């Protein structure tokens, strides 16, 4: 499993931050860093879900799981 997104530095998220940057937004928190962490978690979840779906399809196509 990949590293925990919260353990990375802001520099690790420079590409994502560049995509969501809005310097004139006064939100009171480090919104760029927060959003980068959230996006990284979602990317991990999406990848894991795709893996699970592939495994399930393989099991179903081999007759290992009742599909009805």
Protein backbone atom coordinates (compact mmCIF):
# COMPACT_ATOMS: atom_id res chain seq x y z
CA UNK A 1 0.00 0.00 0.00
CA UNK A 2 1.20 3.52 -0.73
CA UNK A 3 2.38 5.96 1.92
CA UNK A 4 -0.24 7.64 4.05
CA UNK A 5 -1.08 10.95 2.27
CA UNK A 6 -1.07 12.89 5.54
CA UNK A 7 2.59 11.96 6.06
CA UNK A 8 3.74 13.68 2.86
CA UNK A 9 4.96 17.27 2.66
CA UNK A 10 3.32 20.15 0.86
CA UNK A 11 6.11 19.95 -1.74
CA UNK A 12 5.07 16.35 -2.49
CA UNK A 13 1.71 17.75 -3.62
CA UNK A 14 3.06 20.60 -5.77
CA UNK A 15 1.41 19.32 -8.97
CA UNK A 16 -2.01 18.92 -7.37
CA UNK A 17 -1.70 22.26 -5.57
CA UNK A 18 -0.85 23.91 -8.88
CA UNK A 19 -4.15 22.64 -10.28
CA UNK A 20 -6.29 23.85 -7.37
CA UNK A 21 -4.45 27.06 -6.49
CA UNK A 22 -6.50 30.24 -5.98
CA UNK A 23 -4.29 32.81 -4.21
CA UNK A 24 -7.09 35.32 -3.55
CA UNK A 25 -9.25 32.84 -1.59
CA UNK A 26 -9.37 33.76 2.14
CA UNK A 27 -10.48 30.45 3.68
CA UNK A 28 -8.54 30.55 6.93
CA UNK A 29 -6.87 27.14 6.50
CA UNK A 30 -4.24 25.74 4.16
CA UNK A 31 -6.88 24.71 1.65
CA UNK A 32 -4.34 23.69 -1.00
CA UNK A 33 -2.63 21.21 1.29
CA UNK A 34 -5.94 19.94 2.64
CA UNK A 35 -7.38 19.36 -0.82
CA UNK A 36 -4.18 17.69 -2.00
CA UNK A 37 -4.44 15.21 0.86
CA UNK A 38 -8.10 14.51 0.09
CA UNK A 39 -7.38 14.02 -3.61
CA UNK A 40 -4.50 11.67 -2.83
CA UNK A 41 -6.75 9.57 -0.59
CA UNK A 42 -9.42 9.45 -3.30
CA UNK A 43 -6.82 8.37 -5.87
CA UNK A 44 -5.73 5.54 -3.56
CA UNK A 45 -9.32 4.46 -2.95
CA UNK A 46 -10.10 4.56 -6.66
CA UNK A 47 -7.10 2.39 -7.48
CA UNK A 48 -7.93 -0.12 -4.76
CA UNK A 49 -11.56 -0.28 -5.92
CA UNK A 50 -10.48 -0.92 -9.50
CA UNK A 51 -8.27 -3.77 -8.28
CA UNK A 52 -11.13 -5.29 -6.28
CA UNK A 53 -13.52 -4.99 -9.23
CA UNK A 54 -10.99 -6.72 -11.51
CA UNK A 55 -10.54 -9.53 -9.01
CA UNK A 56 -14.30 -9.94 -8.63
CA UNK A 57 -14.81 -10.08 -12.41
CA UNK A 58 -12.09 -12.74 -12.66
CA UNK A 59 -13.76 -14.81 -9.93
CA UNK A 60 -17.19 -14.40 -11.51
CA UNK A 61 -15.97 -15.37 -14.96
CA UNK A 62 -14.37 -18.51 -13.57
CA UNK A 63 -17.63 -19.54 -11.92
CA UNK A 64 -16.37 -18.96 -8.39
CA UNK A 65 -19.20 -16.66 -7.26
CA UNK A 66 -22.95 -16.96 -7.67
CA UNK A 67 -24.00 -13.98 -9.80
CA UNK A 68 -27.71 -14.28 -9.27
